């Protein structure tokens, strides 16, 4: 949701921004979360202006995240990384389950 809001704000400022993999993410949201979230894309010659626009928006009351944070970053990015690690663990467990079953059956013979 935040990526679409950011793109809307950038488009309002006259920047031709897009949400990268937006359609894929609506179908495979857990995969997008595991990859770190959506990416906001802007033309190369408008990136500096886009960053300045987002920094100005974050500086408005109620949206401030601090000076040291990138205007592209968000607190959700950290929690997304944590979820990504958990998802990798779950995937490893699920993918290794057939091997574990095979191993147990062979040990019981």
N, C-alpha and C. Protein backbone atom coordinates (compact mmCIF):
# COMPACT_ATOMS: atom_id res chain seq x y z
N UNK A 1 0.83 -1.18 0.00
CA UNK A 1 0.00 0.00 0.00
C UNK A 1 0.88 1.26 0.00
N UNK A 2 1.95 1.22 0.80
CA UNK A 2 2.82 2.40 0.89
C UNK A 2 3.47 2.72 -0.45
N UNK A 3 3.86 1.71 -1.20
CA UNK A 3 4.49 1.94 -2.50
C UNK A 3 3.53 2.66 -3.45
N UNK A 4 2.27 2.28 -3.42
CA UNK A 4 1.29 2.93 -4.30
C UNK A 4 1.04 4.37 -3.87
N UNK A 5 1.07 4.63 -2.58
CA UNK A 5 0.91 6.00 -2.08
C UNK A 5 2.10 6.85 -2.51
N UNK A 6 3.30 6.28 -2.39
CA UNK A 6 4.52 6.99 -2.80
C UNK A 6 4.46 7.31 -4.29
N UNK A 7 4.07 6.35 -5.10
CA UNK A 7 3.97 6.58 -6.54
C UNK A 7 2.95 7.66 -6.84
N UNK A 8 1.84 7.65 -6.14
CA UNK A 8 0.83 8.70 -6.33
C UNK A 8 1.38 10.07 -5.99
N UNK A 9 2.13 10.16 -4.91
CA UNK A 9 2.73 11.45 -4.53
C UNK A 9 3.75 11.90 -5.56
N UNK A 10 4.55 10.97 -6.06
CA UNK A 10 5.55 11.34 -7.07
C UNK A 10 4.89 11.76 -8.38
N UNK A 11 3.85 11.05 -8.76
CA UNK A 11 3.14 11.43 -9.99
C UNK A 11 2.50 12.81 -9.84
N UNK A 12 2.00 13.11 -8.64
CA UNK A 12 1.42 14.44 -8.39
C UNK A 12 2.48 15.53 -8.52
N UNK A 13 3.73 15.17 -8.25
CA UNK A 13 4.83 16.12 -8.39
C UNK A 13 5.37 16.17 -9.81
N UNK A 14 4.76 15.41 -10.72
CA UNK A 14 5.18 15.44 -12.12
C UNK A 14 6.27 14.44 -12.47
N UNK A 15 6.51 13.47 -11.61
CA UNK A 15 7.54 12.46 -11.85
C UNK A 15 6.85 11.18 -12.33
N UNK A 16 7.34 10.61 -13.40
CA UNK A 16 6.73 9.41 -13.99
C UNK A 16 7.19 8.17 -13.22
N UNK A 17 6.63 7.95 -12.05
CA UNK A 17 7.02 6.82 -11.20
C UNK A 17 6.09 5.63 -11.42
N UNK A 18 6.60 4.44 -11.13
CA UNK A 18 5.84 3.20 -11.26
C UNK A 18 6.16 2.28 -10.09
N UNK A 19 5.21 1.42 -9.73
CA UNK A 19 5.47 0.37 -8.75
C UNK A 19 5.96 -0.84 -9.54
N UNK A 20 7.20 -1.24 -9.28
CA UNK A 20 7.78 -2.38 -9.98
C UNK A 20 7.21 -3.67 -9.41
N UNK A 21 6.79 -4.59 -10.25
CA UNK A 21 6.18 -5.87 -9.86
C UNK A 21 4.87 -5.70 -9.10
N UNK A 22 4.18 -4.63 -9.33
CA UNK A 22 2.92 -4.38 -8.64
C UNK A 22 1.86 -5.43 -8.92
N UNK A 23 1.73 -5.84 -10.17
CA UNK A 23 0.72 -6.84 -10.51
C UNK A 23 1.09 -8.21 -9.96
N UNK A 24 2.35 -8.57 -10.03
CA UNK A 24 2.80 -9.85 -9.48
C UNK A 24 2.58 -9.89 -7.97
N UNK A 25 2.82 -8.78 -7.32
CA UNK A 25 2.68 -8.71 -5.87
C UNK A 25 1.25 -8.88 -5.39
N UNK A 26 0.27 -8.49 -6.21
CA UNK A 26 -1.11 -8.69 -5.79
C UNK A 26 -1.48 -10.16 -5.79
N UNK A 27 -0.81 -10.95 -6.62
CA UNK A 27 -1.08 -12.39 -6.68
C UNK A 27 -0.20 -13.14 -5.69
N UNK A 28 1.05 -12.78 -5.61
CA UNK A 28 2.03 -13.48 -4.77
C UNK A 28 2.59 -12.56 -3.69
N UNK A 29 1.72 -12.03 -2.84
CA UNK A 29 2.16 -11.10 -1.79
C UNK A 29 3.23 -11.69 -0.88
N UNK A 30 3.13 -12.96 -0.44
CA UNK A 30 4.20 -13.49 0.42
C UNK A 30 5.57 -13.52 -0.26
N UNK A 31 5.58 -13.74 -1.57
CA UNK A 31 6.85 -13.76 -2.29
C UNK A 31 7.46 -12.36 -2.33
N UNK A 32 6.63 -11.36 -2.63
CA UNK A 32 7.11 -9.98 -2.65
C UNK A 32 7.62 -9.59 -1.27
N UNK A 33 6.91 -9.97 -0.20
CA UNK A 33 7.36 -9.68 1.17
C UNK A 33 8.71 -10.33 1.42
N UNK A 34 8.87 -11.55 0.97
CA UNK A 34 10.13 -12.26 1.17
C UNK A 34 11.29 -11.64 0.41
N UNK A 35 10.99 -10.98 -0.69
CA UNK A 35 12.02 -10.32 -1.48
C UNK A 35 12.32 -8.90 -0.99
N UNK A 36 11.62 -8.46 0.03
CA UNK A 36 11.90 -7.13 0.59
C UNK A 36 10.86 -6.09 0.27
N UNK A 37 9.78 -6.46 -0.38
CA UNK A 37 8.72 -5.50 -0.66
C UNK A 37 8.76 -5.00 -2.10
N UNK A 38 7.87 -4.09 -2.38
CA UNK A 38 7.77 -3.50 -3.72
C UNK A 38 8.89 -2.50 -3.93
N UNK A 39 9.20 -2.26 -5.19
CA UNK A 39 10.19 -1.24 -5.55
C UNK A 39 9.50 -0.14 -6.33
N UNK A 40 9.85 1.09 -6.00
CA UNK A 40 9.32 2.24 -6.72
C UNK A 40 10.39 2.66 -7.73
N UNK A 41 9.98 2.74 -8.98
CA UNK A 41 10.91 3.06 -10.06
C UNK A 41 10.55 4.44 -10.64
N UNK A 42 11.60 5.18 -10.98
CA UNK A 42 11.43 6.48 -11.64
C UNK A 42 12.48 6.57 -12.74
N UNK A 43 12.22 7.37 -13.76
CA UNK A 43 13.24 7.55 -14.81
C UNK A 43 14.56 8.03 -14.21
N UNK A 44 15.65 7.59 -14.77
CA UNK A 44 16.98 7.88 -14.23
C UNK A 44 17.23 9.38 -14.07
N UNK A 45 16.75 10.17 -15.00
CA UNK A 45 16.99 11.61 -14.92
C UNK A 45 16.09 12.30 -13.90
N UNK A 46 15.12 11.59 -13.33
CA UNK A 46 14.21 12.17 -12.33
C UNK A 46 14.41 11.60 -10.93
N UNK A 47 15.40 10.73 -10.76
CA UNK A 47 15.61 10.07 -9.46
C UNK A 47 15.95 11.08 -8.37
N UNK A 48 16.85 12.03 -8.66
CA UNK A 48 17.23 13.03 -7.66
C UNK A 48 16.02 13.85 -7.22
N UNK A 49 15.20 14.24 -8.18
CA UNK A 49 13.99 15.01 -7.86
C UNK A 49 13.01 14.16 -7.06
N UNK A 50 12.90 12.88 -7.40
CA UNK A 50 12.00 11.98 -6.66
C UNK A 50 12.45 11.83 -5.21
N UNK A 51 13.75 11.65 -5.01
CA UNK A 51 14.27 11.54 -3.64
C UNK A 51 14.01 12.80 -2.84
N UNK A 52 14.23 13.96 -3.48
CA UNK A 52 14.00 15.24 -2.80
C UNK A 52 12.52 15.40 -2.45
N UNK A 53 11.65 14.98 -3.37
CA UNK A 53 10.21 15.08 -3.11
C UNK A 53 9.81 14.20 -1.94
N UNK A 54 10.32 12.96 -1.91
CA UNK A 54 9.98 12.06 -0.80
C UNK A 54 10.57 12.54 0.52
N UNK A 55 11.76 13.11 0.47
CA UNK A 55 12.37 13.65 1.70
C UNK A 55 11.53 14.81 2.23
N UNK A 56 11.05 15.66 1.34
CA UNK A 56 10.19 16.77 1.75
C UNK A 56 8.88 16.26 2.34
N UNK A 57 8.32 15.22 1.74
CA UNK A 57 7.08 14.65 2.27
C UNK A 57 7.28 14.05 3.65
N UNK A 58 8.39 13.35 3.84
CA UNK A 58 8.68 12.75 5.14
C UNK A 58 8.92 13.80 6.21
N UNK A 59 9.33 15.00 5.82
CA UNK A 59 9.61 16.07 6.78
C UNK A 59 8.33 16.75 7.26
N UNK A 60 7.21 16.47 6.60
CA UNK A 60 5.96 17.09 7.03
C UNK A 60 5.51 16.49 8.35
N UNK A 61 4.79 17.25 9.17
CA UNK A 61 4.35 16.73 10.47
C UNK A 61 3.55 15.44 10.33
N UNK A 62 3.88 14.49 11.18
CA UNK A 62 3.18 13.21 11.18
C UNK A 62 3.82 12.16 10.29
N UNK A 63 4.74 12.57 9.41
CA UNK A 63 5.38 11.61 8.51
C UNK A 63 6.87 11.52 8.74
N UNK A 64 7.41 12.28 9.66
CA UNK A 64 8.85 12.32 9.88
C UNK A 64 9.37 10.98 10.38
N UNK A 65 10.51 10.55 9.80
CA UNK A 65 11.14 9.31 10.22
C UNK A 65 12.56 9.54 10.71
N UNK A 66 13.00 10.77 10.74
CA UNK A 66 14.36 11.05 11.19
C UNK A 66 15.26 11.41 10.03
N UNK A 67 16.31 12.16 10.34
CA UNK A 67 17.23 12.63 9.31
C UNK A 67 18.10 11.53 8.73
N UNK A 68 18.44 10.52 9.55
CA UNK A 68 19.40 9.53 9.10
C UNK A 68 18.80 8.47 8.19
N UNK A 69 17.51 8.46 8.02
CA UNK A 69 16.87 7.44 7.19
C UNK A 69 16.73 7.92 5.76
N UNK A 70 16.98 7.02 4.83
CA UNK A 70 16.84 7.33 3.42
C UNK A 70 15.38 7.63 3.11
N UNK A 71 15.11 8.57 2.20
CA UNK A 71 13.72 8.83 1.85
C UNK A 71 13.03 7.64 1.21
N UNK A 72 13.82 6.66 0.72
CA UNK A 72 13.24 5.46 0.13
C UNK A 72 12.97 4.41 1.18
N UNK A 73 13.58 4.52 2.34
CA UNK A 73 13.45 3.50 3.38
C UNK A 73 12.18 3.67 4.18
N UNK A 74 11.86 2.65 4.94
CA UNK A 74 10.70 2.71 5.82
C UNK A 74 10.91 1.74 6.97
N UNK A 75 10.23 1.97 8.09
CA UNK A 75 10.34 1.02 9.19
C UNK A 75 9.87 -0.37 8.79
N UNK A 76 8.98 -0.46 7.82
CA UNK A 76 8.49 -1.76 7.37
C UNK A 76 9.58 -2.59 6.70
N UNK A 77 10.61 -1.92 6.17
CA UNK A 77 11.68 -2.66 5.51
C UNK A 77 12.41 -3.56 6.48
N UNK A 78 12.61 -3.09 7.73
CA UNK A 78 13.28 -3.91 8.72
C UNK A 78 12.43 -5.12 9.08
N UNK A 79 11.14 -4.91 9.32
CA UNK A 79 10.28 -6.05 9.67
C UNK A 79 10.15 -6.99 8.49
N UNK A 80 10.25 -6.46 7.27
CA UNK A 80 10.19 -7.32 6.09
C UNK A 80 11.40 -8.24 6.04
N UNK A 81 12.58 -7.72 6.42
CA UNK A 81 13.78 -8.55 6.45
C UNK A 81 13.65 -9.66 7.48
N UNK A 82 13.06 -9.35 8.62
CA UNK A 82 12.86 -10.36 9.66
C UNK A 82 11.90 -11.42 9.16
N UNK A 83 10.80 -10.99 8.52
CA UNK A 83 9.85 -11.95 7.96
C UNK A 83 10.49 -12.79 6.87
N UNK A 84 11.37 -12.18 6.10
CA UNK A 84 12.06 -12.90 5.03
C UNK A 84 12.89 -14.05 5.60
N UNK A 85 13.59 -13.81 6.70
CA UNK A 85 14.38 -14.88 7.33
C UNK A 85 13.47 -16.00 7.80
N UNK A 86 12.34 -15.65 8.40
CA UNK A 86 11.40 -16.66 8.86
C UNK A 86 10.82 -17.46 7.71
N UNK A 87 10.53 -16.78 6.61
CA UNK A 87 9.98 -17.48 5.45
C UNK A 87 11.00 -18.43 4.85
N UNK A 88 12.29 -18.04 4.85
CA UNK A 88 13.32 -18.95 4.35
C UNK A 88 13.43 -20.18 5.23
N UNK A 89 13.30 -20.01 6.54
CA UNK A 89 13.35 -21.14 7.46
C UNK A 89 12.17 -22.09 7.22
N UNK A 90 10.99 -21.53 7.07
CA UNK A 90 9.81 -22.36 6.81
C UNK A 90 9.97 -23.09 5.48
N UNK A 91 10.45 -22.40 4.44
CA UNK A 91 10.65 -23.05 3.15
C UNK A 91 11.66 -24.18 3.25
N UNK A 92 12.75 -23.96 3.98
CA UNK A 92 13.76 -25.01 4.14
C UNK A 92 13.18 -26.22 4.86
N UNK A 93 12.38 -25.97 5.87
CA UNK A 93 11.77 -27.09 6.60
C UNK A 93 10.79 -27.86 5.72
N UNK A 94 9.98 -27.12 4.96
CA UNK A 94 9.00 -27.79 4.09
C UNK A 94 9.69 -28.55 2.96
N UNK A 95 10.73 -27.97 2.40
CA UNK A 95 11.42 -28.63 1.30
C UNK A 95 12.26 -29.82 1.77
N UNK A 96 12.68 -29.81 3.02
CA UNK A 96 13.48 -30.93 3.52
C UNK A 96 12.61 -32.04 4.11
N UNK A 97 11.32 -31.81 4.25
CA UNK A 97 10.43 -32.81 4.85
C UNK A 97 10.46 -34.14 4.10
N UNK A 98 10.40 -34.19 2.77
CA UNK A 98 10.45 -35.49 2.09
C UNK A 98 11.75 -36.26 2.38
N UNK A 99 12.85 -35.56 2.45
CA UNK A 99 14.13 -36.21 2.77
C UNK A 99 14.11 -36.78 4.18
N UNK A 100 13.56 -36.05 5.12
CA UNK A 100 13.50 -36.52 6.51
C UNK A 100 12.62 -37.76 6.60
N UNK A 101 11.50 -37.76 5.91
CA UNK A 101 10.61 -38.93 5.91
C UNK A 101 11.34 -40.12 5.30
N UNK A 102 12.01 -39.91 4.17
CA UNK A 102 12.77 -40.99 3.53
C UNK A 102 13.84 -41.52 4.46
N UNK A 103 14.54 -40.64 5.13
CA UNK A 103 15.62 -41.03 6.05
C UNK A 103 15.06 -41.86 7.21
N UNK A 104 13.96 -41.44 7.78
CA UNK A 104 13.36 -42.18 8.90
C UNK A 104 12.89 -43.55 8.44
N UNK A 105 12.24 -43.62 7.27
CA UNK A 105 11.78 -44.91 6.77
C UNK A 105 12.94 -45.85 6.51
N UNK A 106 14.03 -45.35 5.99
CA UNK A 106 15.20 -46.20 5.73
C UNK A 106 15.90 -46.61 7.01
N UNK A 107 15.88 -45.79 8.02
CA UNK A 107 16.49 -46.16 9.29
C UNK A 107 15.67 -47.20 10.05
N UNK A 108 14.36 -47.21 9.81
CA UNK A 108 13.48 -48.16 10.49
C UNK A 108 13.50 -49.55 9.83
N UNK A 109 14.08 -49.70 8.68
CA UNK A 109 14.12 -50.99 7.99
C UNK A 109 15.08 -51.93 8.63
